[in-house]
PDB file of N, CA and C in Angstrom:
ATOM      1  N   MET A   1       0.734   0.841   1.843  1.00  0.00           N
ATOM      2  CA  MET A   1       1.186   2.137   2.293  1.00  0.00           C
ATOM      3  C   MET A   1       2.349   2.549   1.419  1.00  0.00           C
ATOM      4  N   GLY A   2       2.412   3.770   1.158  1.00  0.00           N
ATOM      5  CA  GLY A   2       3.508   4.245   0.348  1.00  0.00           C
ATOM      6  C   GLY A   2       3.532   5.755   0.337  1.00  0.00           C
ATOM      7  N   GLY A   3       4.292   6.301  -0.602  1.00  0.00           N
ATOM      8  CA  GLY A   3       4.382   7.744  -0.729  1.00  0.00           C
ATOM      9  C   GLY A   3       4.725   8.398   0.599  1.00  0.00           C
ATOM     10  N   PRO A   4       3.970   9.429   0.973  1.00  0.00           N
ATOM     11  CA  PRO A   4       4.282  10.168   2.206  1.00  0.00           C
ATOM     12  C   PRO A   4       4.009   9.368   3.480  1.00  0.00           C
ATOM     13  N   TYR A   5       3.352   8.216   3.367  1.00  0.00           N
ATOM     14  CA  TYR A   5       3.036   7.407   4.551  1.00  0.00           C
ATOM     15  C   TYR A   5       4.125   6.401   4.897  1.00  0.00           C
ATOM     16  N   THR A   6       5.097   6.234   4.028  1.00  0.00           N
ATOM     17  CA  THR A   6       6.117   5.216   4.237  1.00  0.00           C
ATOM     18  C   THR A   6       6.923   5.454   5.503  1.00  0.00           C
ATOM     19  N   GLU A   7       7.465   6.635   5.659  1.00  0.00           N
ATOM     20  CA  GLU A   7       8.287   6.892   6.843  1.00  0.00           C
ATOM     21  C   GLU A   7       7.477   6.820   8.135  1.00  0.00           C
ATOM     22  N   PRO A   8       6.291   7.460   8.221  1.00  0.00           N
ATOM     23  CA  PRO A   8       5.513   7.309   9.455  1.00  0.00           C
ATOM     24  C   PRO A   8       5.136   5.856   9.740  1.00  0.00           C
ATOM     25  N   ALA A   9       4.830   5.089   8.696  1.00  0.00           N
ATOM     26  CA  ALA A   9       4.494   3.681   8.888  1.00  0.00           C
ATOM     27  C   ALA A   9       5.699   2.934   9.443  1.00  0.00           C
ATOM     28  N   PHE A  10       6.869   3.206   8.897  1.00  0.00           N
ATOM     29  CA  PHE A  10       8.062   2.514   9.381  1.00  0.00           C
ATOM     30  C   PHE A  10       8.391   2.938  10.804  1.00  0.00           C
ATOM     31  N   ARG A  11       8.175   4.190  11.134  1.00  0.00           N
ATOM     32  CA  ARG A  11       8.443   4.655  12.499  1.00  0.00           C
ATOM     33  C   ARG A  11       7.555   3.940  13.516  1.00  0.00           C
ATOM     34  N   SER A  12       6.398   3.465  13.082  1.00  0.00           N
ATOM     35  CA  SER A  12       5.487   2.788  14.010  1.00  0.00           C
ATOM     36  C   SER A  12       5.734   1.273  14.073  1.00  0.00           C
ATOM     37  N   ILE A  13       6.681   0.793  13.320  1.00  0.00           N
ATOM     38  CA  ILE A  13       6.954  -0.647  13.273  1.00  0.00           C
ATOM     39  C   ILE A  13       7.543  -1.120  14.610  1.00  0.00           C
ATOM     40  N   ALA A  14       7.232  -2.341  14.979  1.00  0.00           N
ATOM     41  CA  ALA A  14       7.738  -2.924  16.228  1.00  0.00           C
ATOM     42  C   ALA A  14       9.207  -3.295  16.093  1.00  0.00           C
ATOM     43  N   TRP A  15       9.831  -3.523  17.223  1.00  0.00           N
ATOM     44  CA  TRP A  15      11.216  -3.997  17.255  1.00  0.00           C
ATOM     45  C   TRP A  15      11.314  -5.282  16.429  1.00  0.00           C
ATOM     46  N   ARG A  16      12.284  -5.361  15.557  1.00  0.00           N
ATOM     47  CA  ARG A  16      12.554  -6.490  14.660  1.00  0.00           C
ATOM     48  C   ARG A  16      11.396  -6.759  13.691  1.00  0.00           C
ATOM     49  N   GLY A  17      10.611  -5.727  13.429  1.00  0.00           N
ATOM     50  CA  GLY A  17       9.527  -5.863  12.471  1.00  0.00           C
ATOM     51  C   GLY A  17      10.047  -5.931  11.046  1.00  0.00           C
ATOM     52  N   ARG A  18       9.127  -6.198  10.118  1.00  0.00           N
ATOM     53  CA  ARG A  18       9.474  -6.253   8.694  1.00  0.00           C
ATOM     54  C   ARG A  18       8.548  -5.331   7.921  1.00  0.00           C
ATOM     55  N   HIS A  19       9.124  -4.490   7.118  1.00  0.00           N
ATOM     56  CA  HIS A  19       8.374  -3.599   6.238  1.00  0.00           C
ATOM     57  C   HIS A  19       8.465  -4.200   4.835  1.00  0.00           C
ATOM     58  N   LEU A  20       7.341  -4.638   4.294  1.00  0.00           N
ATOM     59  CA  LEU A  20       7.333  -5.279   2.984  1.00  0.00           C
ATOM     60  C   LEU A  20       7.069  -4.252   1.890  1.00  0.00           C
ATOM     61  N   VAL A  21       7.955  -4.202   0.924  1.00  0.00           N
ATOM     62  CA  VAL A  21       7.806  -3.305  -0.224  1.00  0.00           C
ATOM     63  C   VAL A  21       7.214  -4.139  -1.354  1.00  0.00           C
ATOM     64  N   ILE A  22       5.964  -3.821  -1.714  1.00  0.00           N
ATOM     65  CA  ILE A  22       5.254  -4.606  -2.718  1.00  0.00           C
ATOM     66  C   ILE A  22       5.110  -3.835  -4.022  1.00  0.00           C
ATOM     67  N   GLY A  23       4.983  -2.539  -3.938  1.00  0.00           N
ATOM     68  CA  GLY A  23       4.823  -1.719  -5.133  1.00  0.00           C
ATOM     69  C   GLY A  23       4.740  -0.261  -4.738  1.00  0.00           C
ATOM     70  N   PHE A  24       4.388   0.568  -5.694  1.00  0.00           N
ATOM     71  CA  PHE A  24       4.374   2.002  -5.456  1.00  0.00           C
ATOM     72  C   PHE A  24       3.083   2.619  -5.975  1.00  0.00           C
ATOM     73  N   ALA A  25       1.959   2.153  -5.425  1.00  0.00           N
ATOM     74  CA  ALA A  25       0.646   2.623  -5.871  1.00  0.00           C
ATOM     75  C   ALA A  25       0.457   4.114  -5.633  1.00  0.00           C
ATOM     76  N   ALA A  26       1.168   4.669  -4.654  1.00  0.00           N
ATOM     77  CA  ALA A  26       1.019   6.091  -4.353  1.00  0.00           C
ATOM     78  C   ALA A  26       1.737   6.959  -5.380  1.00  0.00           C
ATOM     79  N   GLY A  27       2.493   6.339  -6.288  1.00  0.00           N
ATOM     80  CA  GLY A  27       3.168   7.115  -7.327  1.00  0.00           C
ATOM     81  C   GLY A  27       4.661   7.182  -7.105  1.00  0.00           C
ATOM     82  N   ASP A  28       5.100   8.140  -6.302  1.00  0.00           N
ATOM     83  CA  ASP A  28       6.528   8.345  -6.090  1.00  0.00           C
ATOM     84  C   ASP A  28       7.146   7.197  -5.305  1.00  0.00           C
ATOM     85  N   ILE A  29       8.401   6.892  -5.625  1.00  0.00           N
ATOM     86  CA  ILE A  29       9.148   5.901  -4.851  1.00  0.00           C
ATOM     87  C   ILE A  29       9.653   6.625  -3.603  1.00  0.00           C
ATOM     88  N   PRO A  30       9.203   6.178  -2.418  1.00  0.00           N
ATOM     89  CA  PRO A  30       9.553   6.898  -1.193  1.00  0.00           C
ATOM     90  C   PRO A  30      11.007   6.705  -0.790  1.00  0.00           C
ATOM     91  N   LYS A  31      11.491   7.640   0.002  1.00  0.00           N
ATOM     92  CA  LYS A  31      12.834   7.564   0.557  1.00  0.00           C
ATOM     93  C   LYS A  31      12.683   7.266   2.041  1.00  0.00           C
ATOM     94  N   LEU A  32      13.531   6.378   2.551  1.00  0.00           N
ATOM     95  CA  LEU A  32      13.469   5.974   3.945  1.00  0.00           C
ATOM     96  C   LEU A  32      14.828   6.197   4.591  1.00  0.00           C
ATOM     97  N   PRO A  33      14.897   7.025   5.655  1.00  0.00           N
ATOM     98  CA  PRO A  33      16.180   7.207   6.336  1.00  0.00           C
ATOM     99  C   PRO A  33      16.671   5.878   6.913  1.00  0.00           C
ATOM    100  N   LEU A  34      17.881   5.484   6.576  1.00  0.00           N
ATOM    101  CA  LEU A  34      18.386   4.167   6.965  1.00  0.00           C
ATOM    102  C   LEU A  34      18.703   4.040   8.450  1.00  0.00           C
ATOM    103  N   ASN A  35      18.666   5.147   9.196  1.00  0.00           N
ATOM    104  CA  ASN A  35      18.830   5.000  10.637  1.00  0.00           C
ATOM    105  C   ASN A  35      17.599   4.347  11.274  1.00  0.00           C
ATOM    106  N   LEU A  36      16.441   4.419  10.613  1.00  0.00           N
ATOM    107  CA  LEU A  36      15.224   3.836  11.183  1.00  0.00           C
ATOM    108  C   LEU A  36      15.296   2.313  11.277  1.00  0.00           C
ATOM    109  N   PRO A  37      15.679   1.588  10.214  1.00  0.00           N
ATOM    110  CA  PRO A  37      15.831   0.136  10.381  1.00  0.00           C
ATOM    111  C   PRO A  37      16.893  -0.208  11.430  1.00  0.00           C
ATOM    112  N   LEU A  38      17.942   0.593  11.493  1.00  0.00           N
ATOM    113  CA  LEU A  38      18.999   0.367  12.468  1.00  0.00           C
ATOM    114  C   LEU A  38      18.452   0.487  13.891  1.00  0.00           C
ATOM    115  N   LEU A  39      17.733   1.569  14.175  1.00  0.00           N
ATOM    116  CA  LEU A  39      17.213   1.808  15.525  1.00  0.00           C
ATOM    117  C   LEU A  39      16.131   0.812  15.930  1.00  0.00           C
ATOM    118  N   LYS A  40      15.395   0.299  14.951  1.00  0.00           N
ATOM    119  CA  LYS A  40      14.293  -0.627  15.226  1.00  0.00           C
ATOM    120  C   LYS A  40      14.729  -2.096  15.110  1.00  0.00           C
ATOM    121  N   GLY A  41      15.967  -2.335  14.653  1.00  0.00           N
ATOM    122  CA  GLY A  41      16.384  -3.711  14.407  1.00  0.00           C
ATOM    123  C   GLY A  41      15.476  -4.355  13.369  1.00  0.00           C
ATOM    124  N   ALA A  42      14.938  -3.535  12.482  1.00  0.00           N
ATOM    125  CA  ALA A  42      13.906  -3.967  11.536  1.00  0.00           C
ATOM    126  C   ALA A  42      14.480  -4.202  10.147  1.00  0.00           C
ATOM    127  N   SER A  43      13.670  -4.835   9.317  1.00  0.00           N
ATOM    128  CA  SER A  43      14.077  -5.158   7.950  1.00  0.00           C
ATOM    129  C   SER A  43      13.150  -4.489   6.947  1.00  0.00           C
ATOM    130  N   VAL A  44      13.710  -4.146   5.815  1.00  0.00           N
ATOM    131  CA  VAL A  44      12.936  -3.703   4.660  1.00  0.00           C
ATOM    132  C   VAL A  44      13.102  -4.820   3.632  1.00  0.00           C
ATOM    133  N   VAL A  45      11.987  -5.445   3.243  1.00  0.00           N
ATOM    134  CA  VAL A  45      12.050  -6.615   2.382  1.00  0.00           C
ATOM    135  C   VAL A  45      11.256  -6.360   1.106  1.00  0.00           C
ATOM    136  N   GLY A  46      11.890  -6.552  -0.030  1.00  0.00           N
ATOM    137  CA  GLY A  46      11.203  -6.435  -1.311  1.00  0.00           C
ATOM    138  C   GLY A  46      10.422  -7.705  -1.610  1.00  0.00           C
ATOM    139  N   VAL A  47       9.186  -7.545  -2.043  1.00  0.00           N
ATOM    140  CA  VAL A  47       8.325  -8.686  -2.375  1.00  0.00           C
ATOM    141  C   VAL A  47       7.979  -8.581  -3.855  1.00  0.00           C
ATOM    142  N   PHE A  48       8.688  -9.323  -4.678  1.00  0.00           N
ATOM    143  CA  PHE A  48       8.453  -9.334  -6.122  1.00  0.00           C
ATOM    144  C   PHE A  48       7.808 -10.670  -6.445  1.00  0.00           C
ATOM    145  N   TRP A  49       6.490 -10.716  -6.352  1.00  0.00           N
ATOM    146  CA  TRP A  49       5.724 -11.953  -6.462  1.00  0.00           C
ATOM    147  C   TRP A  49       6.017 -12.702  -7.753  1.00  0.00           C
ATOM    148  N   GLY A  50       6.029 -11.996  -8.870  1.00  0.00           N
ATOM    149  CA  GLY A  50       6.242 -12.650 -10.154  1.00  0.00           C
ATOM    150  C   GLY A  50       7.564 -13.396 -10.207  1.00  0.00           C
ATOM    151  N   ASP A  51       8.615 -12.780  -9.719  1.00  0.00           N
ATOM    152  CA  ASP A  51       9.922 -13.419  -9.744  1.00  0.00           C
ATOM    153  C   ASP A  51      10.004 -14.549  -8.719  1.00  0.00           C
ATOM    154  N   PHE A  52       9.344 -14.380  -7.574  1.00  0.00           N
ATOM    155  CA  PHE A  52       9.312 -15.440  -6.557  1.00  0.00           C
ATOM    156  C   PHE A  52       8.701 -16.710  -7.133  1.00  0.00           C
ATOM    157  N   THR A  53       7.605 -16.571  -7.884  1.00  0.00           N
ATOM    158  CA  THR A  53       6.940 -17.750  -8.448  1.00  0.00           C
ATOM    159  C   THR A  53       7.861 -18.486  -9.422  1.00  0.00           C
ATOM    160  N   ARG A  54       8.693 -17.755 -10.130  1.00  0.00           N
ATOM    161  CA  ARG A  54       9.611 -18.366 -11.096  1.00  0.00           C
ATOM    162  C   ARG A  54      10.827 -18.980 -10.412  1.00  0.00           C
ATOM    163  N   ARG A  55      11.386 -18.264  -9.443  1.00  0.00           N
ATOM    164  CA  ARG A  55      12.629 -18.707  -8.807  1.00  0.00           C
ATOM    165  C   ARG A  55      12.424 -19.767  -7.721  1.00  0.00           C
ATOM    166  N   GLU A  56      11.261 -19.742  -7.061  1.00  0.00           N
ATOM    167  CA  GLU A  56      11.047 -20.640  -5.925  1.00  0.00           C
ATOM    168  C   GLU A  56       9.705 -21.365  -6.026  1.00  0.00           C
ATOM    169  N   PRO A  57       9.529 -22.188  -7.067  1.00  0.00           N
ATOM    170  CA  PRO A  57       8.234 -22.852  -7.236  1.00  0.00           C
ATOM    171  C   PRO A  57       7.862 -23.762  -6.063  1.00  0.00           C
ATOM    172  N   ARG A  58       8.832 -24.408  -5.441  1.00  0.00           N
ATOM    173  CA  ARG A  58       8.521 -25.267  -4.285  1.00  0.00           C
ATOM    174  C   ARG A  58       8.059 -24.420  -3.101  1.00  0.00           C
ATOM    175  N   GLY A  59       8.721 -23.301  -2.878  1.00  0.00           N
ATOM    176  CA  GLY A  59       8.306 -22.387  -1.810  1.00  0.00           C
ATOM    177  C   GLY A  59       6.910 -21.851  -2.053  1.00  0.00           C
ATOM    178  N   LEU A  60       6.610 -21.556  -3.306  1.00  0.00           N
ATOM    179  CA  LEU A  60       5.273 -21.085  -3.679  1.00  0.00           C
ATOM    180  C   LEU A  60       4.236 -22.159  -3.391  1.00  0.00           C
ATOM    181  N   ALA A  61       4.524 -23.397  -3.772  1.00  0.00           N
ATOM    182  CA  ALA A  61       3.580 -24.494  -3.547  1.00  0.00           C
ATOM    183  C   ALA A  61       3.342 -24.704  -2.054  1.00  0.00           C
ATOM    184  N   GLU A  62       4.396 -24.662  -1.258  1.00  0.00           N
ATOM    185  CA  GLU A  62       4.236 -24.851   0.191  1.00  0.00           C
ATOM    186  C   GLU A  62       3.462 -23.689   0.807  1.00  0.00           C
ATOM    187  N   SER A  63       3.721 -22.477   0.339  1.00  0.00           N
ATOM    188  CA  SER A  63       2.969 -21.312   0.836  1.00  0.00           C
ATOM    189  C   SER A  63       1.488 -21.465   0.541  1.00  0.00           C
ATOM    190  N   ALA A  64       1.159 -21.932  -0.648  1.00  0.00           N
ATOM    191  CA  ALA A  64      -0.243 -22.135  -1.022  1.00  0.00           C
ATOM    192  C   ALA A  64      -0.881 -23.204  -0.140  1.00  0.00           C
ATOM    193  N   ARG A  65      -0.159 -24.294   0.112  1.00  0.00           N
ATOM    194  CA  ARG A  65      -0.690 -25.349   0.991  1.00  0.00           C
ATOM    195  C   ARG A  65      -0.921 -24.820   2.409  1.00  0.00           C
ATOM    196  N   GLN A  66       0.006 -24.007   2.897  1.00  0.00           N
ATOM    197  CA  GLN A  66      -0.137 -23.449   4.245  1.00  0.00           C
ATOM    198  C   GLN A  66      -1.342 -22.525   4.326  1.00  0.00           C
ATOM    199  N   LEU A  67      -1.540 -21.708   3.304  1.00  0.00           N
ATOM    200  CA  LEU A  67      -2.712 -20.823   3.292  1.00  0.00           C
ATOM    201  C   LEU A  67      -4.017 -21.625   3.326  1.00  0.00           C
ATOM    202  N   VAL A  68      -4.066 -22.715   2.569  1.00  0.00           N
ATOM    203  CA  VAL A  68      -5.259 -23.571   2.571  1.00  0.00           C
ATOM    204  C   VAL A  68      -5.473 -24.164   3.957  1.00  0.00           C
ATOM    205  N   ARG A  69      -4.391 -24.630   4.590  1.00  0.00           N
ATOM    206  CA  ARG A  69      -4.518 -25.186   5.949  1.00  0.00           C
ATOM    207  C   ARG A  69      -5.057 -24.137   6.918  1.00  0.00           C
ATOM    208  N   TRP A  70      -4.494 -22.933   6.865  1.00  0.00           N
ATOM    209  CA  TRP A  70      -4.958 -21.868   7.760  1.00  0.00           C
ATOM    210  C   TRP A  70      -6.429 -21.544   7.505  1.00  0.00           C
ATOM    211  N   TYR A  71      -6.832 -21.521   6.232  1.00  0.00           N
ATOM    212  CA  TYR A  71      -8.229 -21.245   5.904  1.00  0.00           C
ATOM    213  C   TYR A  71      -9.130 -22.349   6.464  1.00  0.00           C
ATOM    214  N   GLU A  72      -8.733 -23.603   6.257  1.00  0.00           N
ATOM    215  CA  GLU A  72      -9.525 -24.731   6.748  1.00  0.00           C
ATOM    216  C   GLU A  72      -9.617 -24.740   8.270  1.00  0.00           C
ATOM    217  N   GLN A  73      -8.578 -24.261   8.939  1.00  0.00           N
ATOM    218  CA  GLN A  73      -8.567 -24.210  10.402  1.00  0.00           C
ATOM    219  C   GLN A  73      -9.291 -22.975  10.942  1.00  0.00           C
ATOM    220  N   GLY A  74      -9.748 -22.094  10.047  1.00  0.00           N
ATOM    221  CA  GLY A  74     -10.465 -20.900  10.476  1.00  0.00           C
ATOM    222  C   GLY A  74      -9.572 -19.741  10.878  1.00  0.00           C
ATOM    223  N   HIS A  75      -8.260 -19.849  10.614  1.00  0.00           N
ATOM    224  CA  HIS A  75      -7.338 -18.765  10.960  1.00  0.00           C
ATOM    225  C   HIS A  75      -7.418 -17.605   9.963  1.00  0.00           C
ATOM    226  N   LEU A  76      -7.844 -17.888   8.750  1.00  0.00           N
ATOM    227  CA  LEU A  76      -7.999 -16.857   7.723  1.00  0.00           C
ATOM    228  C   LEU A  76      -9.482 -16.727   7.396  1.00  0.00           C
ATOM    229  N   LYS A  77      -9.959 -15.498   7.397  1.00  0.00           N
ATOM    230  CA  LYS A  77     -11.360 -15.245   7.087  1.00  0.00           C
ATOM    231  C   LYS A  77     -11.437 -14.087   6.090  1.00  0.00           C
ATOM    232  N   PRO A  78     -11.197 -14.371   4.817  1.00  0.00           N
ATOM    233  CA  PRO A  78     -11.201 -13.295   3.828  1.00  0.00           C
ATOM    234  C   PRO A  78     -12.572 -12.643   3.728  1.00  0.00           C
ATOM    235  N   HIS A  79     -12.574 -11.334   3.596  1.00  0.00           N
ATOM    236  CA  HIS A  79     -13.824 -10.587   3.444  1.00  0.00           C
ATOM    237  C   HIS A  79     -14.266 -10.671   1.978  1.00  0.00           C
ATOM    238  N   VAL A  80     -15.430 -11.224   1.742  1.00  0.00           N
ATOM    239  CA  VAL A  80     -15.997 -11.308   0.394  1.00  0.00           C
ATOM    240  C   VAL A  80     -16.995 -10.166   0.259  1.00  0.00           C
ATOM    241  N   SER A  81     -16.681  -9.231  -0.612  1.00  0.00           N
ATOM    242  CA  SER A  81     -17.547  -8.063  -0.760  1.00  0.00           C
ATOM    243  C   SER A  81     -18.621  -8.261  -1.822  1.00  0.00           C
ATOM    244  N   ALA A  82     -18.404  -9.209  -2.740  1.00  0.00           N
ATOM    245  CA  ALA A  82     -19.397  -9.433  -3.801  1.00  0.00           C
ATOM    246  C   ALA A  82     -19.245 -10.844  -4.348  1.00  0.00           C
ATOM    247  N   THR A  83     -20.382 -11.437  -4.706  1.00  0.00           N
ATOM    248  CA  THR A  83     -20.409 -12.767  -5.313  1.00  0.00           C
ATOM    249  C   THR A  83     -21.239 -12.689  -6.589  1.00  0.00           C
ATOM    250  N   PHE A  84     -20.722 -13.270  -7.663  1.00  0.00           N
ATOM    251  CA  PHE A  84     -21.397 -13.241  -8.955  1.00  0.00           C
ATOM    252  C   PHE A  84     -21.506 -14.655  -9.515  1.00  0.00           C
ATOM    253  N   PRO A  85     -22.598 -14.943 -10.221  1.00  0.00           N
ATOM    254  CA  PRO A  85     -22.646 -16.205 -10.967  1.00  0.00           C
ATOM    255  C   PRO A  85     -21.737 -16.075 -12.193  1.00  0.00           C
ATOM    256  N   LEU A  86     -21.341 -17.197 -12.756  1.00  0.00           N
ATOM    257  CA  LEU A  86     -20.431 -17.187 -13.896  1.00  0.00           C
ATOM    258  C   LEU A  86     -20.935 -16.305 -15.034  1.00  0.00           C
ATOM    259  N   GLU A  87     -22.249 -16.299 -15.230  1.00  0.00           N
ATOM    260  CA  GLU A  87     -22.817 -15.497 -16.338  1.00  0.00           C
ATOM    261  C   GLU A  87     -22.535 -13.994 -16.167  1.00  0.00           C
ATOM    262  N   LYS A  88     -22.246 -13.572 -14.943  1.00  0.00           N
ATOM    263  CA  LYS A  88     -21.981 -12.146 -14.692  1.00  0.00           C
ATOM    264  C   LYS A  88     -20.512 -11.894 -14.355  1.00  0.00           C
ATOM    265  N   ALA A  89     -19.643 -12.755 -14.859  1.00  0.00           N
ATOM    266  CA  ALA A  89     -18.215 -12.606 -14.596  1.00  0.00           C
ATOM    267  C   ALA A  89     -17.685 -11.267 -15.101  1.00  0.00           C
ATOM    268  N   ALA A  90     -18.243 -10.770 -16.195  1.00  0.00           N
ATOM    269  CA  ALA A  90     -17.801  -9.472 -16.719  1.00  0.00           C
ATOM    270  C   ALA A  90     -18.082  -8.359 -15.710  1.00  0.00           C
ATOM    271  N   GLU A  91     -19.219  -8.438 -15.018  1.00  0.00           N
ATOM    272  CA  GLU A  91     -19.529  -7.439 -13.983  1.00  0.00           C
ATOM    273  C   GLU A  91     -18.510  -7.524 -12.842  1.00  0.00           C
ATOM    274  N   ALA A  92     -18.141  -8.731 -12.476  1.00  0.00           N
ATOM    275  CA  ALA A  92     -17.139  -8.923 -11.421  1.00  0.00           C
ATOM    276  C   ALA A  92     -15.814  -8.287 -11.837  1.00  0.00           C
ATOM    277  N   MET A  93     -15.414  -8.513 -13.078  1.00  0.00           N
ATOM    278  CA  MET A  93     -14.156  -7.934 -13.567  1.00  0.00           C
ATOM    279  C   MET A  93     -14.233  -6.411 -13.607  1.00  0.00           C
ATOM    280  N   ASN A  94     -15.391  -5.880 -14.001  1.00  0.00           N
ATOM    281  CA  ASN A  94     -15.558  -4.422 -14.023  1.00  0.00           C
ATOM    282  C   ASN A  94     -15.464  -3.831 -12.623  1.00  0.00           C
ATOM    283  N   LEU A  95     -16.010  -4.539 -11.631  1.00  0.00           N
ATOM    284  CA  LEU A  95     -15.922  -4.077 -10.247  1.00  0.00           C
ATOM    285  C   LEU A  95     -14.467  -3.995  -9.807  1.00  0.00           C
ATOM    286  N   LEU A  96     -13.693  -5.014 -10.153  1.00  0.00           N
ATOM    287  CA  LEU A  96     -12.266  -4.998  -9.816  1.00  0.00           C
ATOM    288  C   LEU A  96     -11.520  -3.909 -10.589  1.00  0.00           C
ATOM    289  N   ALA A  97     -11.800  -3.817 -11.881  1.00  0.00           N
ATOM    290  CA  ALA A  97     -11.101  -2.835 -12.720  1.00  0.00           C
ATOM    291  C   ALA A  97     -11.381  -1.405 -12.284  1.00  0.00           C
ATOM    292  N   SER A  98     -12.589  -1.158 -11.777  1.00  0.00           N
ATOM    293  CA  SER A  98     -12.940   0.191 -11.333  1.00  0.00           C
ATOM    294  C   SER A  98     -12.438   0.488  -9.920  1.00  0.00           C
ATOM    295  N   ARG A  99     -11.803  -0.516  -9.300  1.00  0.00           N
ATOM    296  CA  ARG A  99     -11.225  -0.392  -7.947  1.00  0.00           C
ATOM    297  C   ARG A  99     -12.285  -0.068  -6.903  1.00  0.00           C
ATOM    298  N   LYS A 100     -13.504  -0.593  -7.111  1.00  0.00           N
ATOM    299  CA  LYS A 100     -14.596  -0.352  -6.167  1.00  0.00           C
ATOM    300  C   LYS A 100     -14.808  -1.533  -5.211  1.00  0.00           C
ATOM    301  N   ALA A 101     -14.110  -2.622  -5.412  1.00  0.00           N
ATOM    302  CA  ALA A 101     -14.250  -3.782  -4.535  1.00  0.00           C
ATOM    303  C   ALA A 101     -13.632  -3.465  -3.178  1.00  0.00           C
ATOM    304  N   LYS A 102     -14.312  -3.854  -2.115  1.00  0.00           N
ATOM    305  CA  LYS A 102     -13.826  -3.609  -0.752  1.00  0.00           C
ATOM    306  C   LYS A 102     -13.320  -4.896  -0.103  1.00  0.00           C
ATOM    307  N   GLY A 103     -13.240  -5.955  -0.853  1.00  0.00           N
ATOM    308  CA  GLY A 103     -12.775  -7.251  -0.373  1.00  0.00           C
ATOM    309  C   GLY A 103     -12.633  -8.167  -1.572  1.00  0.00           C
ATOM    310  N   LYS A 104     -12.727  -9.451  -1.321  1.00  0.00           N
ATOM    311  CA  LYS A 104     -12.623 -10.429  -2.413  1.00  0.00           C
ATOM    312  C   LYS A 104     -13.890 -10.404  -3.257  1.00  0.00           C
ATOM    313  N   VAL A 105     -13.729 -10.618  -4.545  1.00  0.00           N
ATOM    314  CA  VAL A 105     -14.848 -10.747  -5.463  1.00  0.00           C
ATOM    315  C   VAL A 105     -14.821 -12.195  -5.938  1.00  0.00           C
ATOM    316  N   VAL A 106     -15.949 -12.876  -5.728  1.00  0.00           N
ATOM    317  CA  VAL A 106     -16.031 -14.308  -6.040  1.00  0.00           C
ATOM    318  C   VAL A 106     -16.925 -14.521  -7.240  1.00  0.00           C
ATOM    319  N   VAL A 107     -16.463 -15.338  -8.182  1.00  0.00           N
ATOM    320  CA  VAL A 107     -17.274 -15.780  -9.313  1.00  0.00           C
ATOM    321  C   VAL A 107     -17.558 -17.255  -9.069  1.00  0.00           C
ATOM    322  N   GLN A 108     -18.839 -17.587  -8.926  1.00  0.00           N
ATOM    323  CA  GLN A 108     -19.238 -18.973  -8.661  1.00  0.00           C
ATOM    324  C   GLN A 108     -19.403 -19.728  -9.954  1.00  0.00           C
ATOM    325  N   ILE A 109     -18.814 -20.912  -9.996  1.00  0.00           N
ATOM    326  CA  ILE A 109     -18.880 -21.758 -11.172  1.00  0.00           C
ATOM    327  C   ILE A 109     -19.682 -23.011 -10.815  1.00  0.00           C
ATOM    328  N   GLY A 110     -20.688 -23.304 -11.615  1.00  0.00           N
ATOM    329  CA  GLY A 110     -21.461 -24.529 -11.434  1.00  0.00           C
ATOM    330  C   GLY A 110     -22.275 -24.594 -10.157  1.00  0.00           C
ATOM    331  N   VAL A 111     -22.770 -23.458  -9.700  1.00  0.00           N
ATOM    332  CA  VAL A 111     -23.578 -23.456  -8.476  1.00  0.00           C
ATOM    333  C   VAL A 111     -25.022 -23.224  -8.835  1.00  0.00           C
TER     334      VAL A 111
END
């Protein structure tokens, strides 16, 4: 969410919720009235993945292990919208590049 949806999205946040800022796909960098986090007891948190991986490699490794555990326990069920054999990996990349994927795109290796 971003652009003109940022403020309405934040207004709908729960008490002590967290609004994660990941990027600005909508184009403009939105402005957020600072009374909203105050009234909601909420946080605005920047998520800079690239820098996190460099600064906190142990945290990254533990996060990855936790995600695997949740997946194995059935808590995470990623939507796979397309599966390709390795020979058609270029088609998989084109699907992602064209932004037509509606979920995860899987390239199977050695199947």
